[in-house]
Every structure is written in structure tokens, then in C-alpha cells.
PDB file of all heavy atoms in Angstrom:
ATOM      1  N   THR A   1      14.690  79.287   6.764  1.00  0.00           N
ATOM      2  CA  THR A   1      13.976  79.077   5.512  1.00  0.00           C
ATOM      3  C   THR A   1      13.929  80.416   4.785  1.00  0.00           C
ATOM      4  O   THR A   1      13.407  81.398   5.311  1.00  0.00           O
ATOM      5  CB  THR A   1      12.546  78.564   5.782  1.00  0.00           C
ATOM      6  OG1 THR A   1      12.627  77.383   6.567  1.00  0.00           O
ATOM      7  CG2 THR A   1      11.810  78.293   4.491  1.00  0.00           C
ATOM      8  N   LEU A   2      14.480  80.465   3.580  1.00  0.00           N
ATOM      9  CA  LEU A   2      14.580  81.743   2.869  1.00  0.00           C
ATOM     10  C   LEU A   2      13.233  82.271   2.399  1.00  0.00           C
ATOM     11  O   LEU A   2      13.040  83.484   2.282  1.00  0.00           O
ATOM     12  CB  LEU A   2      15.554  81.630   1.700  1.00  0.00           C
ATOM     13  CG  LEU A   2      17.020  81.490   2.108  1.00  0.00           C
ATOM     14  CD1 LEU A   2      17.904  81.383   0.878  1.00  0.00           C
ATOM     15  CD2 LEU A   2      17.461  82.654   2.981  1.00  0.00           C
ATOM     16  N   ASP A   3      12.286  81.400   2.139  1.00  0.00           N
ATOM     17  CA  ASP A   3      10.977  81.820   1.654  1.00  0.00           C
ATOM     18  C   ASP A   3      10.292  82.795   2.603  1.00  0.00           C
ATOM     19  O   ASP A   3       9.695  83.777   2.189  1.00  0.00           O
ATOM     20  CB  ASP A   3      10.101  80.585   1.433  1.00  0.00           C
ATOM     21  CG  ASP A   3       8.747  80.942   0.859  1.00  0.00           C
ATOM     22  OD1 ASP A   3       8.664  81.881   0.052  1.00  0.00           O
ATOM     23  OD2 ASP A   3       7.758  80.258   1.204  1.00  0.00           O
ATOM     24  N   ASN A   4      10.401  82.531   3.914  1.00  0.00           N
ATOM     25  CA  ASN A   4       9.675  83.367   4.871  1.00  0.00           C
ATOM     26  C   ASN A   4      10.502  83.783   6.088  1.00  0.00           C
ATOM     27  O   ASN A   4       9.983  84.427   6.985  1.00  0.00           O
ATOM     28  CB  ASN A   4       8.408  82.650   5.337  1.00  0.00           C
ATOM     29  CG  ASN A   4       8.700  81.292   5.920  1.00  0.00           C
ATOM     30  OD1 ASN A   4       9.818  81.008   6.340  1.00  0.00           O
ATOM     31  ND2 ASN A   4       7.694  80.439   5.954  1.00  0.00           N
ATOM     32  N   GLY A   5      11.758  83.396   6.155  1.00  0.00           N
ATOM     33  CA  GLY A   5      12.620  83.795   7.263  1.00  0.00           C
ATOM     34  C   GLY A   5      12.405  83.010   8.547  1.00  0.00           C
ATOM     35  O   GLY A   5      12.928  83.381   9.592  1.00  0.00           O
ATOM     36  N   THR A   6      11.664  81.910   8.482  1.00  0.00           N
ATOM     37  CA  THR A   6      11.428  81.089   9.672  1.00  0.00           C
ATOM     38  C   THR A   6      12.745  80.490  10.156  1.00  0.00           C
ATOM     39  O   THR A   6      13.512  79.943   9.375  1.00  0.00           O
ATOM     40  CB  THR A   6      10.427  79.957   9.375  1.00  0.00           C
ATOM     41  OG1 THR A   6       9.195  80.542   8.970  1.00  0.00           O
ATOM     42  CG2 THR A   6      10.204  79.083  10.598  1.00  0.00           C
ATOM     43  N   ILE A   7      12.984  80.608  11.462  1.00  0.00           N
ATOM     44  CA  ILE A   7      14.218  80.104  12.058  1.00  0.00           C
ATOM     45  C   ILE A   7      13.924  78.831  12.830  1.00  0.00           C
ATOM     46  O   ILE A   7      13.036  78.799  13.689  1.00  0.00           O
ATOM     47  CB  ILE A   7      14.842  81.143  13.017  1.00  0.00           C
ATOM     48  CG1 ILE A   7      15.152  82.429  12.272  1.00  0.00           C
ATOM     49  CG2 ILE A   7      16.090  80.579  13.693  1.00  0.00           C
ATOM     50  CD1 ILE A   7      15.544  83.578  13.162  1.00  0.00           C
ATOM     51  N   SER A   8      14.679  77.775  12.516  1.00  0.00           N
ATOM     52  CA  SER A   8      14.635  76.540  13.291  1.00  0.00           C
ATOM     53  C   SER A   8      15.951  76.440  14.047  1.00  0.00           C
ATOM     54  O   SER A   8      17.009  76.282  13.440  1.00  0.00           O
ATOM     55  CB  SER A   8      14.468  75.323  12.373  1.00  0.00           C
ATOM     56  OG  SER A   8      13.265  75.403  11.669  1.00  0.00           O
ATOM     57  N   ARG A   9      15.879  76.585  15.354  1.00  0.00           N
ATOM     58  CA  ARG A   9      17.076  76.538  16.185  1.00  0.00           C
ATOM     59  C   ARG A   9      17.370  75.095  16.561  1.00  0.00           C
ATOM     60  O   ARG A   9      16.449  74.311  16.761  1.00  0.00           O
ATOM     61  CB  ARG A   9      16.881  77.401  17.422  1.00  0.00           C
ATOM     62  CG  ARG A   9      16.783  78.867  17.067  1.00  0.00           C
ATOM     63  CD  ARG A   9      16.332  79.726  18.230  1.00  0.00           C
ATOM     64  NE  ARG A   9      16.483  81.129  17.907  1.00  0.00           N
ATOM     65  CZ  ARG A   9      15.586  81.840  17.249  1.00  0.00           C
ATOM     66  NH1 ARG A   9      14.468  81.288  16.849  1.00  0.00           N
ATOM     67  NH2 ARG A   9      15.802  83.116  16.979  1.00  0.00           N
ATOM     68  N   SER A  10      18.659  74.776  16.671  1.00  0.00           N
ATOM     69  CA  SER A  10      19.014  73.403  17.014  1.00  0.00           C
ATOM     70  C   SER A  10      20.239  73.362  17.912  1.00  0.00           C
ATOM     71  O   SER A  10      20.968  74.340  18.045  1.00  0.00           O
ATOM     72  CB  SER A  10      19.260  72.584  15.745  1.00  0.00           C
ATOM     73  OG  SER A  10      20.347  73.113  15.020  1.00  0.00           O
ATOM     74  N   GLY A  11      20.442  72.210  18.498  1.00  0.00           N
ATOM     75  CA  GLY A  11      21.539  72.019  19.435  1.00  0.00           C
ATOM     76  C   GLY A  11      21.062  72.240  20.853  1.00  0.00           C
ATOM     77  O   GLY A  11      20.003  72.808  21.091  1.00  0.00           O
ATOM     78  N   THR A  12      21.849  71.785  21.779  1.00  0.00           N
ATOM     79  CA  THR A  12      21.525  71.922  23.197  1.00  0.00           C
ATOM     80  C   THR A  12      21.661  73.370  23.638  1.00  0.00           C
ATOM     81  O   THR A  12      22.641  74.036  23.321  1.00  0.00           O
ATOM     82  CB  THR A  12      22.467  71.035  24.030  1.00  0.00           C
ATOM     83  OG1 THR A  12      22.350  69.693  23.559  1.00  0.00           O
ATOM     84  CG2 THR A  12      22.139  71.094  25.506  1.00  0.00           C
ATOM     85  N   ALA A  13      20.653  73.856  24.363  1.00  0.00           N
ATOM     86  CA  ALA A  13      20.719  75.213  24.908  1.00  0.00           C
ATOM     87  C   ALA A  13      21.946  75.335  25.802  1.00  0.00           C
ATOM     88  O   ALA A  13      22.203  74.462  26.633  1.00  0.00           O
ATOM     89  CB  ALA A  13      19.460  75.530  25.694  1.00  0.00           C
ATOM     90  N   THR A  14      22.705  76.391  25.601  1.00  0.00           N
ATOM     91  CA  THR A  14      23.946  76.565  26.345  1.00  0.00           C
ATOM     92  C   THR A  14      24.007  77.935  27.010  1.00  0.00           C
ATOM     93  O   THR A  14      23.239  78.837  26.703  1.00  0.00           O
ATOM     94  CB  THR A  14      25.170  76.426  25.413  1.00  0.00           C
ATOM     95  OG1 THR A  14      25.095  77.436  24.406  1.00  0.00           O
ATOM     96  CG2 THR A  14      25.224  75.060  24.772  1.00  0.00           C
ATOM     97  N   THR A  15      24.954  78.060  27.894  1.00  0.00           N
ATOM     98  CA  THR A  15      25.273  79.316  28.549  1.00  0.00           C
ATOM     99  C   THR A  15      26.340  80.024  27.721  1.00  0.00           C
ATOM    100  O   THR A  15      27.237  79.393  27.189  1.00  0.00           O
ATOM    101  CB  THR A  15      25.809  79.027  29.964  1.00  0.00           C
ATOM    102  OG1 THR A  15      24.765  78.404  30.711  1.00  0.00           O
ATOM    103  CG2 THR A  15      26.251  80.280  30.679  1.00  0.00           C
ATOM    104  N   VAL A  16      26.229  81.337  27.608  1.00  0.00           N
ATOM    105  CA  VAL A  16      27.206  82.123  26.860  1.00  0.00           C
ATOM    106  C   VAL A  16      28.034  82.943  27.847  1.00  0.00           C
ATOM    107  O   VAL A  16      27.481  83.767  28.592  1.00  0.00           O
ATOM    108  CB  VAL A  16      26.506  83.057  25.849  1.00  0.00           C
ATOM    109  CG1 VAL A  16      27.509  83.946  25.148  1.00  0.00           C
ATOM    110  CG2 VAL A  16      25.709  82.243  24.851  1.00  0.00           C
ATOM    111  N   ALA A  17      29.329  82.706  27.863  1.00  0.00           N
ATOM    112  CA  ALA A  17      30.210  83.461  28.757  1.00  0.00           C
ATOM    113  C   ALA A  17      30.321  84.903  28.272  1.00  0.00           C
ATOM    114  O   ALA A  17      30.425  85.165  27.082  1.00  0.00           O
ATOM    115  CB  ALA A  17      31.594  82.826  28.797  1.00  0.00           C
ATOM    116  N   VAL A  18      30.270  85.829  29.209  1.00  0.00           N
ATOM    117  CA  VAL A  18      30.483  87.243  28.900  1.00  0.00           C
ATOM    118  C   VAL A  18      31.926  87.549  29.272  1.00  0.00           C
ATOM    119  O   VAL A  18      32.321  87.367  30.423  1.00  0.00           O
ATOM    120  CB  VAL A  18      29.507  88.149  29.675  1.00  0.00           C
ATOM    121  CG1 VAL A  18      29.792  89.611  29.392  1.00  0.00           C
ATOM    122  CG2 VAL A  18      28.061  87.787  29.334  1.00  0.00           C
ATOM    123  N   THR A  19      32.704  87.981  28.295  1.00  0.00           N
ATOM    124  CA  THR A  19      34.110  88.278  28.555  1.00  0.00           C
ATOM    125  C   THR A  19      34.334  89.779  28.558  1.00  0.00           C
ATOM    126  O   THR A  19      33.721  90.519  27.787  1.00  0.00           O
ATOM    127  CB  THR A  19      35.025  87.616  27.503  1.00  0.00           C
ATOM    128  OG1 THR A  19      34.645  88.075  26.210  1.00  0.00           O
ATOM    129  CG2 THR A  19      34.901  86.101  27.549  1.00  0.00           C
ATOM    130  N   PHE A  20      35.211  90.194  29.439  1.00  0.00           N
ATOM    131  CA  PHE A  20      35.578  91.600  29.572  1.00  0.00           C
ATOM    132  C   PHE A  20      37.051  91.727  29.216  1.00  0.00           C
ATOM    133  O   PHE A  20      37.897  91.122  29.880  1.00  0.00           O
ATOM    134  CB  PHE A  20      35.307  92.085  30.993  1.00  0.00           C
ATOM    135  CG  PHE A  20      33.849  92.093  31.349  1.00  0.00           C
ATOM    136  CD1 PHE A  20      33.234  90.953  31.850  1.00  0.00           C
ATOM    137  CD2 PHE A  20      33.088  93.228  31.150  1.00  0.00           C
ATOM    138  CE1 PHE A  20      31.881  90.937  32.163  1.00  0.00           C
ATOM    139  CE2 PHE A  20      31.728  93.238  31.461  1.00  0.00           C
ATOM    140  CZ  PHE A  20      31.129  92.083  31.961  1.00  0.00           C
ATOM    141  N   PRO A  21      37.375  92.493  28.166  1.00  0.00           N
ATOM    142  CA  PRO A  21      38.768  92.566  27.716  1.00  0.00           C
ATOM    143  C   PRO A  21      39.693  93.339  28.645  1.00  0.00           C
ATOM    144  O   PRO A  21      40.899  93.089  28.651  1.00  0.00           O
ATOM    145  CB  PRO A  21      38.680  93.234  26.348  1.00  0.00           C
ATOM    146  CG  PRO A  21      37.370  93.921  26.314  1.00  0.00           C
ATOM    147  CD  PRO A  21      36.468  93.208  27.273  1.00  0.00           C
ATOM    148  N   THR A  22      39.140  94.266  29.430  1.00  0.00           N
ATOM    149  CA  THR A  22      40.005  95.053  30.321  1.00  0.00           C
ATOM    150  C   THR A  22      39.356  95.210  31.691  1.00  0.00           C
ATOM    151  O   THR A  22      38.131  95.242  31.820  1.00  0.00           O
ATOM    152  CB  THR A  22      40.296  96.464  29.742  1.00  0.00           C
ATOM    153  OG1 THR A  22      39.060  97.152  29.550  1.00  0.00           O
ATOM    154  CG2 THR A  22      41.034  96.377  28.420  1.00  0.00           C
ATOM    155  N   PHE A  23      40.215  95.321  32.693  1.00  0.00           N
ATOM    156  CA  PHE A  23      39.784  95.554  34.070  1.00  0.00           C
ATOM    157  C   PHE A  23      40.555  96.757  34.603  1.00  0.00           C
ATOM    158  O   PHE A  23      41.388  97.326  33.920  1.00  0.00           O
ATOM    159  CB  PHE A  23      40.077  94.324  34.946  1.00  0.00           C
ATOM    160  CG  PHE A  23      39.289  93.110  34.540  1.00  0.00           C
ATOM    161  CD1 PHE A  23      39.890  92.080  33.829  1.00  0.00           C
ATOM    162  CD2 PHE A  23      37.957  92.992  34.864  1.00  0.00           C
ATOM    163  CE1 PHE A  23      39.170  90.964  33.450  1.00  0.00           C
ATOM    164  CE2 PHE A  23      37.219  91.873  34.490  1.00  0.00           C
ATOM    165  CZ  PHE A  23      37.835  90.867  33.778  1.00  0.00           C
ATOM    166  N   GLY A  24      40.279  97.110  35.845  1.00  0.00           N
ATOM    167  CA  GLY A  24      41.040  98.175  36.478  1.00  0.00           C
ATOM    168  C   GLY A  24      40.387  99.538  36.399  1.00  0.00           C
ATOM    169  O   GLY A  24      41.036 100.554  36.632  1.00  0.00           O
ATOM    170  N   SER A  25      39.105  99.576  36.068  1.00  0.00           N
ATOM    171  CA  SER A  25      38.371 100.844  36.094  1.00  0.00           C
ATOM    172  C   SER A  25      37.023 100.605  36.769  1.00  0.00           C
ATOM    173  O   SER A  25      36.635  99.466  37.020  1.00  0.00           O
ATOM    174  CB  SER A  25      38.193 101.410  34.685  1.00  0.00           C
ATOM    175  OG  SER A  25      37.437 100.527  33.894  1.00  0.00           O
ATOM    176  N   GLN A  26      36.314 101.684  37.045  1.00  0.00           N
ATOM    177  CA  GLN A  26      35.045 101.553  37.754  1.00  0.00           C
ATOM    178  C   GLN A  26      33.903 101.103  36.840  1.00  0.00           C
ATOM    179  O   GLN A  26      32.897 100.595  37.321  1.00  0.00           O
ATOM    180  CB  GLN A  26      34.695 102.886  38.431  1.00  0.00           C
ATOM    181  CG  GLN A  26      35.668 103.229  39.534  1.00  0.00           C
ATOM    182  CD  GLN A  26      35.381 104.579  40.167  1.00  0.00           C
ATOM    183  OE1 GLN A  26      34.486 105.309  39.748  1.00  0.00           O
ATOM    184  NE2 GLN A  26      36.154 104.920  41.190  1.00  0.00           N
ATOM    185  N   THR A  27      34.065 101.294  35.543  1.00  0.00           N
ATOM    186  CA  THR A  27      33.077 100.829  34.567  1.00  0.00           C
ATOM    187  C   THR A  27      33.797  99.997  33.521  1.00  0.00           C
ATOM    188  O   THR A  27      34.802 100.441  32.959  1.00  0.00           O
ATOM    189  CB  THR A  27      32.368 102.018  33.886  1.00  0.00           C
ATOM    190  OG1 THR A  27      31.739 102.819  34.894  1.00  0.00           O
ATOM    191  CG2 THR A  27      31.327 101.545  32.908  1.00  0.00           C
ATOM    192  N   ILE A  28      33.284  98.785  33.278  1.00  0.00           N
ATOM    193  CA  ILE A  28      33.891  97.929  32.258  1.00  0.00           C
ATOM    194  C   ILE A  28      32.794  97.463  31.291  1.00  0.00           C
ATOM    195  O   ILE A  28      31.632  97.320  31.666  1.00  0.00           O
ATOM    196  CB  ILE A  28      34.619  96.710  32.863  1.00  0.00           C
ATOM    197  CG1 ILE A  28      33.678  95.851  33.705  1.00  0.00           C
ATOM    198  CG2 ILE A  28      35.818  97.165  33.695  1.00  0.00           C
ATOM    199  CD1 ILE A  28      34.297  94.550  34.195  1.00  0.00           C
ATOM    200  N   THR A  29      33.193  97.236  30.047  1.00  0.00           N
ATOM    201  CA  THR A  29      32.259  96.808  29.017  1.00  0.00           C
ATOM    202  C   THR A  29      32.754  95.502  28.410  1.00  0.00           C
ATOM    203  O   THR A  29      33.924  95.398  28.025  1.00  0.00           O
ATOM    204  CB  THR A  29      32.107  97.884  27.922  1.00  0.00           C
ATOM    205  OG1 THR A  29      31.615  99.084  28.544  1.00  0.00           O
ATOM    206  CG2 THR A  29      31.136  97.447  26.839  1.00  0.00           C
TER     207      THR A  29
END
């Protein structure tokens, strides 16, 4: 709602996959 910024969330709560673009090091982001 633009008047006050109130957020109405919708849809089924889901899991978000965390993807890592590169492997092969001791620290990955």
C-alpha cells in the first residue's frame, strides 16, 4: 500500500535454495 508502505504477503511459504556459483576453495559465497 503506497499510502503507508504496509506489505501484504501472499502465496504459499516456500524454501529458497542457496546457490553457490563456484566450488573448489575453502571459502565459498
